[in-house]
């Protein structure tokens, strides 16, 4: 009886990447930014009485408003992705995340009260 030697083959195990909170929130942020940017092009599309689509040029935003809207989108996206990624870093960074959210909530509350008190007549 003879022993037949065989060489071992390298087996590569492929595992699926798990969906974690960081990945889900980053995908959510990406789709939200894409949707907000695409809304610039879909605002002038309207429906008339006969349920037909038409392009209303009166609803187009002026250039400076488009620039302001894009600035708002990109600053908000940077802030969102920054918060998501520091939250995912760990225990110490999650405290920074919660502190930032508390400060943002406080600022929003102060601005809402300020705008109610000093409202502008239209």
Protein backbone atom coordinates (compact mmCIF):
# COMPACT_ATOMS: atom_id res chain seq x y z
CA UNK A 1 0.00 0.00 0.00
CA UNK A 2 1.45 3.29 -1.08
CA UNK A 3 0.65 6.69 0.32
CA UNK A 4 -0.51 9.17 -2.25
CA UNK A 5 0.50 12.67 -1.29
CA UNK A 6 -1.63 15.57 -2.36
CA UNK A 7 -0.81 19.23 -2.18
CA UNK A 8 -3.23 21.37 -0.29
CA UNK A 9 -5.16 24.02 -2.16
CA UNK A 10 -5.56 27.49 -0.76
CA UNK A 11 -9.21 28.01 0.01
CA UNK A 12 -10.43 31.56 0.11
CA UNK A 13 -13.43 32.11 2.33
CA UNK A 14 -15.63 34.96 1.22
CA UNK A 15 -18.01 36.38 3.78
CA UNK A 16 -20.71 38.92 3.18
CA UNK A 17 -20.20 42.29 4.79
CA UNK A 18 -22.55 42.84 7.66
CA UNK A 19 -24.83 45.82 7.63
CA UNK A 20 -23.99 47.95 10.65
CA UNK A 21 -25.42 51.22 11.91
CA UNK A 22 -22.61 53.32 10.45
CA UNK A 23 -23.07 51.87 6.96
CA UNK A 24 -26.87 52.27 7.07
CA UNK A 25 -26.64 55.90 8.22
CA UNK A 26 -23.99 56.73 5.61
CA UNK A 27 -26.20 55.24 2.87
CA UNK A 28 -29.19 57.14 4.22
CA UNK A 29 -27.16 60.37 4.14
CA UNK A 30 -25.96 59.71 0.61
CA UNK A 31 -29.48 59.08 -0.71
CA UNK A 32 -30.77 62.15 1.14
CA UNK A 33 -28.12 64.40 -0.40
CA UNK A 34 -28.84 63.00 -3.87
CA UNK A 35 -32.58 63.54 -3.35
CA UNK A 36 -32.08 67.14 -2.20
CA UNK A 37 -29.85 67.96 -5.17
CA UNK A 38 -32.30 66.34 -7.59
CA UNK A 39 -35.12 68.43 -6.10
CA UNK A 40 -33.52 71.48 -7.73
CA UNK A 41 -34.41 70.01 -11.11
CA UNK A 42 -37.84 68.65 -10.18
CA UNK A 43 -39.32 71.77 -8.53
CA UNK A 44 -40.47 73.34 -11.85
CA UNK A 45 -42.25 70.13 -12.92
CA UNK A 46 -45.94 70.48 -12.15
CA UNK A 47 -49.28 68.80 -12.89
CA UNK A 48 -52.17 70.71 -14.47
CA UNK A 49 -55.93 70.11 -14.15
CA UNK A 50 -55.87 67.33 -16.76
CA UNK A 51 -53.17 65.48 -14.77
CA UNK A 52 -50.54 66.20 -17.40
CA UNK A 53 -46.96 67.07 -16.53
CA UNK A 54 -45.59 70.40 -17.65
CA UNK A 55 -42.49 72.46 -16.97
CA UNK A 56 -43.26 75.74 -15.21
CA UNK A 57 -40.38 78.18 -15.76
CA UNK A 58 -41.83 80.58 -13.18
CA UNK A 59 -40.90 78.11 -10.43
CA UNK A 60 -37.21 78.05 -11.35
CA UNK A 61 -34.93 79.25 -8.57
CA UNK A 62 -32.68 82.21 -9.19
CA UNK A 63 -28.93 81.61 -9.35
CA UNK A 64 -28.15 83.00 -5.91
CA UNK A 65 -30.91 80.87 -4.34
CA UNK A 66 -29.52 77.75 -6.03
CA UNK A 67 -26.06 78.55 -4.66
CA UNK A 68 -27.44 79.10 -1.16
CA UNK A 69 -29.42 75.87 -1.32
CA UNK A 70 -26.37 73.89 -2.50
CA UNK A 71 -24.26 75.44 0.26
CA UNK A 72 -26.88 74.43 2.80
CA UNK A 73 -26.99 70.87 1.44
CA UNK A 74 -23.21 70.41 1.48
CA UNK A 75 -22.66 71.95 4.92
CA UNK A 76 -25.49 69.86 6.35
CA UNK A 77 -24.11 66.73 4.67
CA UNK A 78 -20.62 67.35 6.08
CA UNK A 79 -22.08 67.87 9.54
CA UNK A 80 -24.24 64.73 9.26
CA UNK A 81 -21.41 62.50 8.03
CA UNK A 82 -19.07 63.91 10.68
CA UNK A 83 -21.58 63.08 13.42
CA UNK A 84 -22.27 59.59 12.07
CA UNK A 85 -18.59 58.73 11.83
CA UNK A 86 -17.62 60.04 15.28
CA UNK A 87 -20.56 58.16 16.80
CA UNK A 88 -19.26 54.93 15.25
CA UNK A 89 -15.73 55.41 16.64
CA UNK A 90 -16.54 54.27 20.14
CA UNK A 91 -17.49 55.11 23.68
CA UNK A 92 -15.58 58.41 24.14
CA UNK A 93 -16.59 59.73 20.74
CA UNK A 94 -20.23 58.88 21.33
CA UNK A 95 -20.13 61.35 24.24
CA UNK A 96 -18.88 64.01 21.82
CA UNK A 97 -21.73 63.02 19.49
CA UNK A 98 -24.38 63.41 22.19
CA UNK A 99 -22.87 66.70 23.40
CA UNK A 100 -22.98 68.03 19.84
CA UNK A 101 -26.62 66.98 19.47
CA UNK A 102 -27.52 68.69 22.77
CA UNK A 103 -25.79 71.90 21.65
CA UNK A 104 -27.55 71.74 18.27
CA UNK A 105 -30.90 71.22 19.99
CA UNK A 106 -30.27 74.17 22.32
CA UNK A 107 -29.26 76.43 19.43
CA UNK A 108 -32.35 75.40 17.44
CA UNK A 109 -34.60 76.10 20.41
CA UNK A 110 -33.07 79.55 20.99
CA UNK A 111 -33.38 80.40 17.28
CA UNK A 112 -37.03 79.26 17.19
CA UNK A 113 -37.88 81.46 20.18
CA UNK A 114 -35.93 84.38 18.69
CA UNK A 115 -37.78 84.06 15.37
CA UNK A 116 -41.17 83.95 17.13
CA UNK A 117 -40.37 87.05 19.19
CA UNK A 118 -38.80 89.04 16.33
CA UNK A 119 -40.95 87.87 13.43
CA UNK A 120 -40.93 89.81 10.20
CA UNK A 121 -44.22 90.89 8.65
CA UNK A 122 -44.68 89.67 5.10
